[in-house]
Amino acid sequence: DVSGLEHLDMLMTRSRIGAQRFELTPEQQ
């Protein structure tokens, strides 16, 4: 329920995580 701008930032964060997905530990995955 926060602003759309904050959600866009969230999607950018998710993309940065996706770019590093092979570095995630099993617990982080």
mmCIF file of all heavy atoms, coordinates in Angstrom:
data_MODEL
# 
_entry.id   MODEL 
# 
loop_
_atom_site.group_PDB 
_atom_site.id 
_atom_site.type_symbol 
_atom_site.label_atom_id 
_atom_site.label_alt_id 
_atom_site.label_comp_id 
_atom_site.label_asym_id 
_atom_site.label_entity_id 
_atom_site.label_seq_id 
_atom_site.pdbx_PDB_ins_code 
_atom_site.Cartn_x 
_atom_site.Cartn_y 
_atom_site.Cartn_z 
_atom_site.occupancy 
_atom_site.B_iso_or_equiv 
_atom_site.pdbx_formal_charge 
_atom_site.auth_seq_id 
_atom_site.auth_comp_id 
_atom_site.auth_asym_id 
_atom_site.auth_atom_id 
_atom_site.pdbx_PDB_model_num 
ATOM 1   N N   . ASP A 1 1  ? 0.792  -1.225  0.000   1.00 0.00 ? 1  ASP A N   1 
ATOM 2   C CA  . ASP A 1 1  ? 0.000  0.000   0.000   1.00 0.00 ? 1  ASP A CA  1 
ATOM 3   C C   . ASP A 1 1  ? 0.828  1.282   0.000   1.00 0.00 ? 1  ASP A C   1 
ATOM 4   O O   . ASP A 1 1  ? 0.288  2.363   0.198   1.00 0.00 ? 1  ASP A O   1 
ATOM 5   C CB  . ASP A 1 1  ? -0.961 0.005   1.191   1.00 0.00 ? 1  ASP A CB  1 
ATOM 6   C CG  . ASP A 1 1  ? -0.253 -0.177  2.524   1.00 0.00 ? 1  ASP A CG  1 
ATOM 7   O OD1 . ASP A 1 1  ? 0.923  -0.595  2.537   1.00 0.00 ? 1  ASP A OD1 1 
ATOM 8   O OD2 . ASP A 1 1  ? -0.876 0.109   3.563   1.00 0.00 ? 1  ASP A OD2 1 
ATOM 9   N N   . VAL A 1 2  ? 2.146  1.192   -0.274  1.00 0.00 ? 2  VAL A N   1 
ATOM 10  C CA  . VAL A 1 2  ? 2.960  2.405   -0.368  1.00 0.00 ? 2  VAL A CA  1 
ATOM 11  C C   . VAL A 1 2  ? 2.913  2.948   -1.796  1.00 0.00 ? 2  VAL A C   1 
ATOM 12  O O   . VAL A 1 2  ? 2.264  2.376   -2.663  1.00 0.00 ? 2  VAL A O   1 
ATOM 13  C CB  . VAL A 1 2  ? 4.419  2.169   0.110   1.00 0.00 ? 2  VAL A CB  1 
ATOM 14  C CG1 . VAL A 1 2  ? 4.441  1.761   1.575   1.00 0.00 ? 2  VAL A CG1 1 
ATOM 15  C CG2 . VAL A 1 2  ? 5.133  1.174   -0.754  1.00 0.00 ? 2  VAL A CG2 1 
ATOM 16  N N   . SER A 1 3  ? 3.635  4.015   -2.047  1.00 0.00 ? 3  SER A N   1 
ATOM 17  C CA  . SER A 1 3  ? 3.535  4.691   -3.347  1.00 0.00 ? 3  SER A CA  1 
ATOM 18  C C   . SER A 1 3  ? 4.103  3.860   -4.502  1.00 0.00 ? 3  SER A C   1 
ATOM 19  O O   . SER A 1 3  ? 4.971  3.007   -4.315  1.00 0.00 ? 3  SER A O   1 
ATOM 20  C CB  . SER A 1 3  ? 4.264  6.033   -3.302  1.00 0.00 ? 3  SER A CB  1 
ATOM 21  O OG  . SER A 1 3  ? 5.658  5.849   -3.457  1.00 0.00 ? 3  SER A OG  1 
ATOM 22  N N   . GLY A 1 4  ? 3.608  4.158   -5.675  1.00 0.00 ? 4  GLY A N   1 
ATOM 23  C CA  . GLY A 1 4  ? 4.084  3.496   -6.884  1.00 0.00 ? 4  GLY A CA  1 
ATOM 24  C C   . GLY A 1 4  ? 5.556  3.728   -7.134  1.00 0.00 ? 4  GLY A C   1 
ATOM 25  O O   . GLY A 1 4  ? 6.254  2.860   -7.663  1.00 0.00 ? 4  GLY A O   1 
ATOM 26  N N   . LEU A 1 5  ? 6.049  4.898   -6.758  1.00 0.00 ? 5  LEU A N   1 
ATOM 27  C CA  . LEU A 1 5  ? 7.481  5.177   -6.923  1.00 0.00 ? 5  LEU A CA  1 
ATOM 28  C C   . LEU A 1 5  ? 8.318  4.239   -6.064  1.00 0.00 ? 5  LEU A C   1 
ATOM 29  O O   . LEU A 1 5  ? 9.368  3.762   -6.498  1.00 0.00 ? 5  LEU A O   1 
ATOM 30  C CB  . LEU A 1 5  ? 7.786  6.637   -6.589  1.00 0.00 ? 5  LEU A CB  1 
ATOM 31  C CG  . LEU A 1 5  ? 7.257  7.667   -7.576  1.00 0.00 ? 5  LEU A CG  1 
ATOM 32  C CD1 . LEU A 1 5  ? 7.498  9.081   -7.065  1.00 0.00 ? 5  LEU A CD1 1 
ATOM 33  C CD2 . LEU A 1 5  ? 7.874  7.473   -8.950  1.00 0.00 ? 5  LEU A CD2 1 
ATOM 34  N N   . GLU A 1 6  ? 7.852  3.974   -4.854  1.00 0.00 ? 6  GLU A N   1 
ATOM 35  C CA  . GLU A 1 6  ? 8.564  3.028   -3.994  1.00 0.00 ? 6  GLU A CA  1 
ATOM 36  C C   . GLU A 1 6  ? 8.527  1.622   -4.590  1.00 0.00 ? 6  GLU A C   1 
ATOM 37  O O   . GLU A 1 6  ? 9.498  0.876   -4.491  1.00 0.00 ? 6  GLU A O   1 
ATOM 38  C CB  . GLU A 1 6  ? 7.967  3.040   -2.589  1.00 0.00 ? 6  GLU A CB  1 
ATOM 39  C CG  . GLU A 1 6  ? 8.253  4.326   -1.852  1.00 0.00 ? 6  GLU A CG  1 
ATOM 40  C CD  . GLU A 1 6  ? 7.612  4.377   -0.492  1.00 0.00 ? 6  GLU A CD  1 
ATOM 41  O OE1 . GLU A 1 6  ? 8.224  3.837   0.454   1.00 0.00 ? 6  GLU A OE1 1 
ATOM 42  O OE2 . GLU A 1 6  ? 6.501  4.943   -0.374  1.00 0.00 ? 6  GLU A OE2 1 
ATOM 43  N N   . HIS A 1 7  ? 7.420  1.277   -5.228  1.00 0.00 ? 7  HIS A N   1 
ATOM 44  C CA  . HIS A 1 7  ? 7.324  -0.037  -5.872  1.00 0.00 ? 7  HIS A CA  1 
ATOM 45  C C   . HIS A 1 7  ? 8.252  -0.139  -7.082  1.00 0.00 ? 7  HIS A C   1 
ATOM 46  O O   . HIS A 1 7  ? 8.835  -1.193  -7.335  1.00 0.00 ? 7  HIS A O   1 
ATOM 47  C CB  . HIS A 1 7  ? 5.885  -0.351  -6.283  1.00 0.00 ? 7  HIS A CB  1 
ATOM 48  C CG  . HIS A 1 7  ? 4.970  -0.546  -5.115  1.00 0.00 ? 7  HIS A CG  1 
ATOM 49  N ND1 . HIS A 1 7  ? 5.331  -1.199  -3.968  1.00 0.00 ? 7  HIS A ND1 1 
ATOM 50  C CD2 . HIS A 1 7  ? 3.685  -0.164  -4.932  1.00 0.00 ? 7  HIS A CD2 1 
ATOM 51  C CE1 . HIS A 1 7  ? 4.320  -1.215  -3.121  1.00 0.00 ? 7  HIS A CE1 1 
ATOM 52  N NE2 . HIS A 1 7  ? 3.304  -0.592  -3.699  1.00 0.00 ? 7  HIS A NE2 1 
ATOM 53  N N   . LEU A 1 8  ? 8.396  0.944   -7.826  1.00 0.00 ? 8  LEU A N   1 
ATOM 54  C CA  . LEU A 1 8  ? 9.347  0.933   -8.939  1.00 0.00 ? 8  LEU A CA  1 
ATOM 55  C C   . LEU A 1 8  ? 10.764 0.704   -8.410  1.00 0.00 ? 8  LEU A C   1 
ATOM 56  O O   . LEU A 1 8  ? 11.537 -0.068  -8.987  1.00 0.00 ? 8  LEU A O   1 
ATOM 57  C CB  . LEU A 1 8  ? 9.278  2.239   -9.732  1.00 0.00 ? 8  LEU A CB  1 
ATOM 58  C CG  . LEU A 1 8  ? 8.059  2.398   -10.637 1.00 0.00 ? 8  LEU A CG  1 
ATOM 59  C CD1 . LEU A 1 8  ? 8.009  3.813   -11.190 1.00 0.00 ? 8  LEU A CD1 1 
ATOM 60  C CD2 . LEU A 1 8  ? 8.071  1.373   -11.752 1.00 0.00 ? 8  LEU A CD2 1 
ATOM 61  N N   . ASP A 1 9  ? 11.079 1.337   -7.302  1.00 0.00 ? 9  ASP A N   1 
ATOM 62  C CA  . ASP A 1 9  ? 12.382 1.130   -6.676  1.00 0.00 ? 9  ASP A CA  1 
ATOM 63  C C   . ASP A 1 9  ? 12.531 -0.333  -6.249  1.00 0.00 ? 9  ASP A C   1 
ATOM 64  O O   . ASP A 1 9  ? 13.593 -0.935  -6.408  1.00 0.00 ? 9  ASP A O   1 
ATOM 65  C CB  . ASP A 1 9  ? 12.543 2.076   -5.482  1.00 0.00 ? 9  ASP A CB  1 
ATOM 66  C CG  . ASP A 1 9  ? 13.940 2.027   -4.908  1.00 0.00 ? 9  ASP A CG  1 
ATOM 67  O OD1 . ASP A 1 9  ? 14.908 2.170   -5.679  1.00 0.00 ? 9  ASP A OD1 1 
ATOM 68  O OD2 . ASP A 1 9  ? 14.068 1.844   -3.680  1.00 0.00 ? 9  ASP A OD2 1 
ATOM 69  N N   . MET A 1 10 ? 11.449 -0.923  -5.734  1.00 0.00 ? 10 MET A N   1 
ATOM 70  C CA  . MET A 1 10 ? 11.465 -2.329  -5.339  1.00 0.00 ? 10 MET A CA  1 
ATOM 71  C C   . MET A 1 10 ? 11.762 -3.224  -6.553  1.00 0.00 ? 10 MET A C   1 
ATOM 72  O O   . MET A 1 10 ? 12.552 -4.174  -6.457  1.00 0.00 ? 10 MET A O   1 
ATOM 73  C CB  . MET A 1 10 ? 10.114 -2.720  -4.731  1.00 0.00 ? 10 MET A CB  1 
ATOM 74  C CG  . MET A 1 10 ? 9.958  -4.210  -4.463  1.00 0.00 ? 10 MET A CG  1 
ATOM 75  S SD  . MET A 1 10 ? 8.272  -4.671  -3.984  1.00 0.00 ? 10 MET A SD  1 
ATOM 76  C CE  . MET A 1 10 ? 7.354  -4.278  -5.470  1.00 0.00 ? 10 MET A CE  1 
ATOM 77  N N   . LEU A 1 11 ? 11.151 -2.923  -7.695  1.00 0.00 ? 11 LEU A N   1 
ATOM 78  C CA  . LEU A 1 11 ? 11.388 -3.727  -8.891  1.00 0.00 ? 11 LEU A CA  1 
ATOM 79  C C   . LEU A 1 11 ? 12.831 -3.597  -9.362  1.00 0.00 ? 11 LEU A C   1 
ATOM 80  O O   . LEU A 1 11 ? 13.432 -4.572  -9.839  1.00 0.00 ? 11 LEU A O   1 
ATOM 81  C CB  . LEU A 1 11 ? 10.415 -3.330  -10.005 1.00 0.00 ? 11 LEU A CB  1 
ATOM 82  C CG  . LEU A 1 11 ? 8.929  -3.549  -9.714  1.00 0.00 ? 11 LEU A CG  1 
ATOM 83  C CD1 . LEU A 1 11 ? 8.082  -3.117  -10.901 1.00 0.00 ? 11 LEU A CD1 1 
ATOM 84  C CD2 . LEU A 1 11 ? 8.636  -4.992  -9.334  1.00 0.00 ? 11 LEU A CD2 1 
ATOM 85  N N   . MET A 1 12 ? 13.399 -2.413  -9.208  1.00 0.00 ? 12 MET A N   1 
ATOM 86  C CA  . MET A 1 12 ? 14.809 -2.231  -9.565  1.00 0.00 ? 12 MET A CA  1 
ATOM 87  C C   . MET A 1 12 ? 15.712 -3.035  -8.627  1.00 0.00 ? 12 MET A C   1 
ATOM 88  O O   . MET A 1 12 ? 16.690 -3.644  -9.068  1.00 0.00 ? 12 MET A O   1 
ATOM 89  C CB  . MET A 1 12 ? 15.170 -0.748  -9.559  1.00 0.00 ? 12 MET A CB  1 
ATOM 90  C CG  . MET A 1 12 ? 14.575 -0.004  -10.744 1.00 0.00 ? 12 MET A CG  1 
ATOM 91  S SD  . MET A 1 12 ? 15.089 1.721   -10.805 1.00 0.00 ? 12 MET A SD  1 
ATOM 92  C CE  . MET A 1 12 ? 13.687 2.518   -10.053 1.00 0.00 ? 12 MET A CE  1 
ATOM 93  N N   . THR A 1 13 ? 15.362 -3.054  -7.352  1.00 0.00 ? 13 THR A N   1 
ATOM 94  C CA  . THR A 1 13 ? 16.115 -3.867  -6.392  1.00 0.00 ? 13 THR A CA  1 
ATOM 95  C C   . THR A 1 13 ? 16.018 -5.334  -6.772  1.00 0.00 ? 13 THR A C   1 
ATOM 96  O O   . THR A 1 13 ? 17.020 -6.065  -6.766  1.00 0.00 ? 13 THR A O   1 
ATOM 97  C CB  . THR A 1 13 ? 15.588 -3.657  -4.956  1.00 0.00 ? 13 THR A CB  1 
ATOM 98  O OG1 . THR A 1 13 ? 15.771 -2.294  -4.589  1.00 0.00 ? 13 THR A OG1 1 
ATOM 99  C CG2 . THR A 1 13 ? 16.302 -4.556  -3.959  1.00 0.00 ? 13 THR A CG2 1 
ATOM 100 N N   . ARG A 1 14 ? 14.822 -5.765  -7.152  1.00 0.00 ? 14 ARG A N   1 
ATOM 101 C CA  . ARG A 1 14 ? 14.638 -7.177  -7.545  1.00 0.00 ? 14 ARG A CA  1 
ATOM 102 C C   . ARG A 1 14 ? 15.484 -7.500  -8.769  1.00 0.00 ? 14 ARG A C   1 
ATOM 103 O O   . ARG A 1 14 ? 16.065 -8.595  -8.869  1.00 0.00 ? 14 ARG A O   1 
ATOM 104 C CB  . ARG A 1 14 ? 13.158 -7.463  -7.808  1.00 0.00 ? 14 ARG A CB  1 
ATOM 105 C CG  . ARG A 1 14 ? 12.857 -8.904  -8.235  1.00 0.00 ? 14 ARG A CG  1 
ATOM 106 C CD  . ARG A 1 14 ? 13.286 -9.888  -7.175  1.00 0.00 ? 14 ARG A CD  1 
ATOM 107 N NE  . ARG A 1 14 ? 13.025 -11.260 -7.558  1.00 0.00 ? 14 ARG A NE  1 
ATOM 108 C CZ  . ARG A 1 14 ? 13.861 -12.039 -8.259  1.00 0.00 ? 14 ARG A CZ  1 
ATOM 109 N NH1 . ARG A 1 14 ? 15.030 -11.557 -8.680  1.00 0.00 ? 14 ARG A NH1 1 
ATOM 110 N NH2 . ARG A 1 14 ? 13.541 -13.275 -8.550  1.00 0.00 ? 14 ARG A NH2 1 
ATOM 111 N N   . SER A 1 15 ? 15.602 -6.574  -9.694  1.00 0.00 ? 15 SER A N   1 
ATOM 112 C CA  . SER A 1 15 ? 16.444 -6.794  -10.876 1.00 0.00 ? 15 SER A CA  1 
ATOM 113 C C   . SER A 1 15 ? 17.917 -6.907  -10.494 1.00 0.00 ? 15 SER A C   1 
ATOM 114 O O   . SER A 1 15 ? 18.641 -7.736  -11.053 1.00 0.00 ? 15 SER A O   1 
ATOM 115 C CB  . SER A 1 15 ? 16.242 -5.673  -11.902 1.00 0.00 ? 15 SER A CB  1 
ATOM 116 O OG  . SER A 1 15 ? 14.967 -5.774  -12.491 1.00 0.00 ? 15 SER A OG  1 
ATOM 117 N N   . ARG A 1 16 ? 18.340 -6.087  -9.552  1.00 0.00 ? 16 ARG A N   1 
ATOM 118 C CA  . ARG A 1 16 ? 19.738 -6.176  -9.104  1.00 0.00 ? 16 ARG A CA  1 
ATOM 119 C C   . ARG A 1 16 ? 20.000 -7.519  -8.424  1.00 0.00 ? 16 ARG A C   1 
ATOM 120 O O   . ARG A 1 16 ? 21.064 -8.119  -8.606  1.00 0.00 ? 16 ARG A O   1 
ATOM 121 C CB  . ARG A 1 16 ? 20.078 -5.000  -8.172  1.00 0.00 ? 16 ARG A CB  1 
ATOM 122 C CG  . ARG A 1 16 ? 20.204 -3.677  -8.916  1.00 0.00 ? 16 ARG A CG  1 
ATOM 123 C CD  . ARG A 1 16 ? 20.772 -2.567  -8.053  1.00 0.00 ? 16 ARG A CD  1 
ATOM 124 N NE  . ARG A 1 16 ? 19.933 -2.194  -6.935  1.00 0.00 ? 16 ARG A NE  1 
ATOM 125 C CZ  . ARG A 1 16 ? 18.916 -1.325  -6.993  1.00 0.00 ? 16 ARG A CZ  1 
ATOM 126 N NH1 . ARG A 1 16 ? 18.619 -0.737  -8.145  1.00 0.00 ? 16 ARG A NH1 1 
ATOM 127 N NH2 . ARG A 1 16 ? 18.212 -1.034  -5.927  1.00 0.00 ? 16 ARG A NH2 1 
ATOM 128 N N   . ILE A 1 17 ? 19.034 -7.999  -7.661  1.00 0.00 ? 17 ILE A N   1 
ATOM 129 C CA  . ILE A 1 17 ? 19.170 -9.321  -7.040  1.00 0.00 ? 17 ILE A CA  1 
ATOM 130 C C   . ILE A 1 17 ? 19.213 -10.392 -8.135  1.00 0.00 ? 17 ILE A C   1 
ATOM 131 O O   . ILE A 1 17 ? 20.027 -11.312 -8.083  1.00 0.00 ? 17 ILE A O   1 
ATOM 132 C CB  . ILE A 1 17 ? 18.007 -9.604  -6.056  1.00 0.00 ? 17 ILE A CB  1 
ATOM 133 C CG1 . ILE A 1 17 ? 18.077 -8.653  -4.867  1.00 0.00 ? 17 ILE A CG1 1 
ATOM 134 C CG2 . ILE A 1 17 ? 18.040 -11.059 -5.590  1.00 0.00 ? 17 ILE A CG2 1 
ATOM 135 C CD1 . ILE A 1 17 ? 16.834 -8.653  -3.994  1.00 0.00 ? 17 ILE A CD1 1 
ATOM 136 N N   . GLY A 1 18 ? 18.340 -10.271 -9.118  1.00 0.00 ? 18 GLY A N   1 
ATOM 137 C CA  . GLY A 1 18 ? 18.302 -11.232 -10.218 1.00 0.00 ? 18 GLY A CA  1 
ATOM 138 C C   . GLY A 1 18 ? 19.621 -11.310 -10.967 1.00 0.00 ? 18 GLY A C   1 
ATOM 139 O O   . GLY A 1 18 ? 20.047 -12.384 -11.382 1.00 0.00 ? 18 GLY A O   1 
ATOM 140 N N   . ALA A 1 19 ? 20.268 -10.176 -11.114 1.00 0.00 ? 19 ALA A N   1 
ATOM 141 C CA  . ALA A 1 19 ? 21.557 -10.146 -11.813 1.00 0.00 ? 19 ALA A CA  1 
ATOM 142 C C   . ALA A 1 19 ? 22.642 -10.870 -11.026 1.00 0.00 ? 19 ALA A C   1 
ATOM 143 O O   . ALA A 1 19 ? 23.643 -11.298 -11.603 1.00 0.00 ? 19 ALA A O   1 
ATOM 144 C CB  . ALA A 1 19 ? 21.972 -8.693  -12.071 1.00 0.00 ? 19 ALA A CB  1 
ATOM 145 N N   . GLN A 1 20 ? 22.428 -11.032 -9.735  1.00 0.00 ? 20 GLN A N   1 
ATOM 146 C CA  . GLN A 1 20 ? 23.412 -11.704 -8.878  1.00 0.00 ? 20 GLN A CA  1 
ATOM 147 C C   . GLN A 1 20 ? 22.881 -13.023 -8.318  1.00 0.00 ? 20 GLN A C   1 
ATOM 148 O O   . GLN A 1 20 ? 23.393 -13.545 -7.336  1.00 0.00 ? 20 GLN A O   1 
ATOM 149 C CB  . GLN A 1 20 ? 23.806 -10.773 -7.723  1.00 0.00 ? 20 GLN A CB  1 
ATOM 150 C CG  . GLN A 1 20 ? 24.458 -9.500  -8.185  1.00 0.00 ? 20 GLN A CG  1 
ATOM 151 C CD  . GLN A 1 20 ? 24.840 -8.608  -7.015  1.00 0.00 ? 20 GLN A CD  1 
ATOM 152 O OE1 . GLN A 1 20 ? 25.215 -9.069  -5.955  1.00 0.00 ? 20 GLN A OE1 1 
ATOM 153 N NE2 . GLN A 1 20 ? 24.749 -7.307  -7.219  1.00 0.00 ? 20 GLN A NE2 1 
ATOM 154 N N   . ARG A 1 21 ? 21.853 -13.566 -8.943  1.00 0.00 ? 21 ARG A N   1 
ATOM 155 C CA  . ARG A 1 21 ? 21.174 -14.749 -8.406  1.00 0.00 ? 21 ARG A CA  1 
ATOM 156 C C   . ARG A 1 21 ? 22.088 -15.946 -8.193  1.00 0.00 ? 21 ARG A C   1 
ATOM 157 O O   . ARG A 1 21 ? 21.839 -16.761 -7.314  1.00 0.00 ? 21 ARG A O   1 
ATOM 158 C CB  . ARG A 1 21 ? 19.982 -15.116 -9.273  1.00 0.00 ? 21 ARG A CB  1 
ATOM 159 C CG  . ARG A 1 21 ? 20.326 -15.615 -10.655 1.00 0.00 ? 21 ARG A CG  1 
ATOM 160 C CD  . ARG A 1 21 ? 19.073 -15.779 -11.520 1.00 0.00 ? 21 ARG A CD  1 
ATOM 161 N NE  . ARG A 1 21 ? 19.391 -16.081 -12.894 1.00 0.00 ? 21 ARG A NE  1 
ATOM 162 C CZ  . ARG A 1 21 ? 19.743 -15.182 -13.807 1.00 0.00 ? 21 ARG A CZ  1 
ATOM 163 N NH1 . ARG A 1 21 ? 19.822 -13.922 -13.487 1.00 0.00 ? 21 ARG A NH1 1 
ATOM 164 N NH2 . ARG A 1 21 ? 20.030 -15.548 -15.045 1.00 0.00 ? 21 ARG A NH2 1 
ATOM 165 N N   . PHE A 1 22 ? 23.157 -16.059 -8.962  1.00 0.00 ? 22 PHE A N   1 
ATOM 166 C CA  . PHE A 1 22 ? 24.052 -17.208 -8.820  1.00 0.00 ? 22 PHE A CA  1 
ATOM 167 C C   . PHE A 1 22 ? 24.949 -17.086 -7.592  1.00 0.00 ? 22 PHE A C   1 
ATOM 168 O O   . PHE A 1 22 ? 25.627 -18.038 -7.224  1.00 0.00 ? 22 PHE A O   1 
ATOM 169 C CB  . PHE A 1 22 ? 24.887 -17.405 -10.089 1.00 0.00 ? 22 PHE A CB  1 
ATOM 170 C CG  . PHE A 1 22 ? 24.025 -17.683 -11.290 1.00 0.00 ? 22 PHE A CG  1 
ATOM 171 C CD1 . PHE A 1 22 ? 23.955 -16.776 -12.328 1.00 0.00 ? 22 PHE A CD1 1 
ATOM 172 C CD2 . PHE A 1 22 ? 23.258 -18.837 -11.360 1.00 0.00 ? 22 PHE A CD2 1 
ATOM 173 C CE1 . PHE A 1 22 ? 23.155 -17.025 -13.437 1.00 0.00 ? 22 PHE A CE1 1 
ATOM 174 C CE2 . PHE A 1 22 ? 22.443 -19.091 -12.460 1.00 0.00 ? 22 PHE A CE2 1 
ATOM 175 C CZ  . PHE A 1 22 ? 22.392 -18.182 -13.500 1.00 0.00 ? 22 PHE A CZ  1 
ATOM 176 N N   . GLU A 1 23 ? 24.946 -15.922 -6.988  1.00 0.00 ? 23 GLU A N   1 
ATOM 177 C CA  . GLU A 1 23 ? 25.741 -15.703 -5.781  1.00 0.00 ? 23 GLU A CA  1 
ATOM 178 C C   . GLU A 1 23 ? 24.936 -15.933 -4.506  1.00 0.00 ? 23 GLU A C   1 
ATOM 179 O O   . GLU A 1 23 ? 25.478 -15.882 -3.407  1.00 0.00 ? 23 GLU A O   1 
ATOM 180 C CB  . GLU A 1 23 ? 26.302 -14.280 -5.776  1.00 0.00 ? 23 GLU A CB  1 
ATOM 181 C CG  . GLU A 1 23 ? 27.245 -14.007 -6.938  1.00 0.00 ? 23 GLU A CG  1 
ATOM 182 C CD  . GLU A 1 23 ? 27.682 -12.553 -6.998  1.00 0.00 ? 23 GLU A CD  1 
ATOM 183 O OE1 . GLU A 1 23 ? 27.763 -11.899 -5.937  1.00 0.00 ? 23 GLU A OE1 1 
ATOM 184 O OE2 . GLU A 1 23 ? 27.943 -12.072 -8.109  1.00 0.00 ? 23 GLU A OE2 1 
ATOM 185 N N   . LEU A 1 24 ? 23.632 -16.182 -4.639  1.00 0.00 ? 24 LEU A N   1 
ATOM 186 C CA  . LEU A 1 24 ? 22.779 -16.382 -3.475  1.00 0.00 ? 24 LEU A CA  1 
ATOM 187 C C   . LEU A 1 24 ? 23.066 -17.726 -2.815  1.00 0.00 ? 24 LEU A C   1 
ATOM 188 O O   . LEU A 1 24 ? 23.240 -18.740 -3.491  1.00 0.00 ? 24 LEU A O   1 
ATOM 189 C CB  . LEU A 1 24 ? 21.304 -16.335 -3.865  1.00 0.00 ? 24 LEU A CB  1 
ATOM 190 C CG  . LEU A 1 24 ? 20.757 -15.009 -4.380  1.00 0.00 ? 24 LEU A CG  1 
ATOM 191 C CD1 . LEU A 1 24 ? 19.350 -15.195 -4.924  1.00 0.00 ? 24 LEU A CD1 1 
ATOM 192 C CD2 . LEU A 1 24 ? 20.761 -13.957 -3.291  1.00 0.00 ? 24 LEU A CD2 1 
ATOM 193 N N   . THR A 1 25 ? 23.072 -17.724 -1.497  1.00 0.00 ? 25 THR A N   1 
ATOM 194 C CA  . THR A 1 25 ? 23.189 -18.979 -0.756  1.00 0.00 ? 25 THR A CA  1 
ATOM 195 C C   . THR A 1 25 ? 21.846 -19.707 -0.836  1.00 0.00 ? 25 THR A C   1 
ATOM 196 O O   . THR A 1 25 ? 20.819 -19.089 -1.167  1.00 0.00 ? 25 THR A O   1 
ATOM 197 C CB  . THR A 1 25 ? 23.521 -18.699 0.724   1.00 0.00 ? 25 THR A CB  1 
ATOM 198 O OG1 . THR A 1 25 ? 22.392 -18.036 1.327   1.00 0.00 ? 25 THR A OG1 1 
ATOM 199 C CG2 . THR A 1 25 ? 24.795 -17.876 0.878   1.00 0.00 ? 25 THR A CG2 1 
ATOM 200 N N   . PRO A 1 26 ? 21.794 -20.986 -0.510  1.00 0.00 ? 26 PRO A N   1 
ATOM 201 C CA  . PRO A 1 26 ? 20.497 -21.679 -0.498  1.00 0.00 ? 26 PRO A CA  1 
ATOM 202 C C   . PRO A 1 26 ? 19.473 -20.994 0.426   1.00 0.00 ? 26 PRO A C   1 
ATOM 203 O O   . PRO A 1 26 ? 18.299 -20.893 0.083   1.00 0.00 ? 26 PRO A O   1 
ATOM 204 C CB  . PRO A 1 26 ? 20.852 -23.081 -0.001  1.00 0.00 ? 26 PRO A CB  1 
ATOM 205 C CG  . PRO A 1 26 ? 22.261 -23.285 -0.473  1.00 0.00 ? 26 PRO A CG  1 
ATOM 206 C CD  . PRO A 1 26 ? 22.903 -21.923 -0.309  1.00 0.00 ? 26 PRO A CD  1 
ATOM 207 N N   . GLU A 1 27 ? 19.929 -20.498 1.556   1.00 0.00 ? 27 GLU A N   1 
ATOM 208 C CA  . GLU A 1 27 ? 19.023 -19.817 2.483   1.00 0.00 ? 27 GLU A CA  1 
ATOM 209 C C   . GLU A 1 27 ? 18.498 -18.523 1.859   1.00 0.00 ? 27 GLU A C   1 
ATOM 210 O O   . GLU A 1 27 ? 17.313 -18.208 1.962   1.00 0.00 ? 27 GLU A O   1 
ATOM 211 C CB  . GLU A 1 27 ? 19.760 -19.532 3.804   1.00 0.00 ? 27 GLU A CB  1 
ATOM 212 C CG  . GLU A 1 27 ? 18.878 -18.933 4.895   1.00 0.00 ? 27 GLU A CG  1 
ATOM 213 C CD  . GLU A 1 27 ? 18.995 -17.414 4.990   1.00 0.00 ? 27 GLU A CD  1 
ATOM 214 O OE1 . GLU A 1 27 ? 19.994 -16.847 4.525   1.00 0.00 ? 27 GLU A OE1 1 
ATOM 215 O OE2 . GLU A 1 27 ? 18.062 -16.791 5.517   1.00 0.00 ? 27 GLU A OE2 1 
ATOM 216 N N   . GLN A 1 28 ? 19.352 -17.795 1.179   1.00 0.00 ? 28 GLN A N   1 
ATOM 217 C CA  . GLN A 1 28 ? 18.928 -16.563 0.508   1.00 0.00 ? 28 GLN A CA  1 
ATOM 218 C C   . GLN A 1 28 ? 17.988 -16.868 -0.652  1.00 0.00 ? 28 GLN A C   1 
ATOM 219 O O   . GLN A 1 28 ? 17.025 -16.136 -0.886  1.00 0.00 ? 28 GLN A O   1 
ATOM 220 C CB  . GLN A 1 28 ? 20.144 -15.775 0.013   1.00 0.00 ? 28 GLN A CB  1 
ATOM 221 C CG  . GLN A 1 28 ? 20.952 -15.135 1.120   1.00 0.00 ? 28 GLN A CG  1 
ATOM 222 C CD  . GLN A 1 28 ? 22.271 -14.567 0.623   1.00 0.00 ? 28 GLN A CD  1 
ATOM 223 O OE1 . GLN A 1 28 ? 22.884 -15.096 -0.307  1.00 0.00 ? 28 GLN A OE1 1 
ATOM 224 N NE2 . GLN A 1 28 ? 22.711 -13.474 1.245   1.00 0.00 ? 28 GLN A NE2 1 
ATOM 225 N N   . GLN A 1 29 ? 18.236 -17.947 -1.362  1.00 0.00 ? 29 GLN A N   1 
ATOM 226 C CA  . GLN A 1 29 ? 17.341 -18.357 -2.455  1.00 0.00 ? 29 GLN A CA  1 
ATOM 227 C C   . GLN A 1 29 ? 15.951 -18.652 -1.911  1.00 0.00 ? 29 GLN A C   1 
ATOM 228 O O   . GLN A 1 29 ? 14.945 -18.273 -2.523  1.00 0.00 ? 29 GLN A O   1 
ATOM 229 C CB  . GLN A 1 29 ? 17.897 -19.585 -3.176  1.00 0.00 ? 29 GLN A CB  1 
ATOM 230 C CG  . GLN A 1 29 ? 19.133 -19.310 -3.979  1.00 0.00 ? 29 GLN A CG  1 
ATOM 231 C CD  . GLN A 1 29 ? 19.766 -20.580 -4.534  1.00 0.00 ? 29 GLN A CD  1 
ATOM 232 O OE1 . GLN A 1 29 ? 19.269 -21.688 -4.355  1.00 0.00 ? 29 GLN A OE1 1 
ATOM 233 N NE2 . GLN A 1 29 ? 20.892 -20.418 -5.215  1.00 0.00 ? 29 GLN A NE2 1 
# 
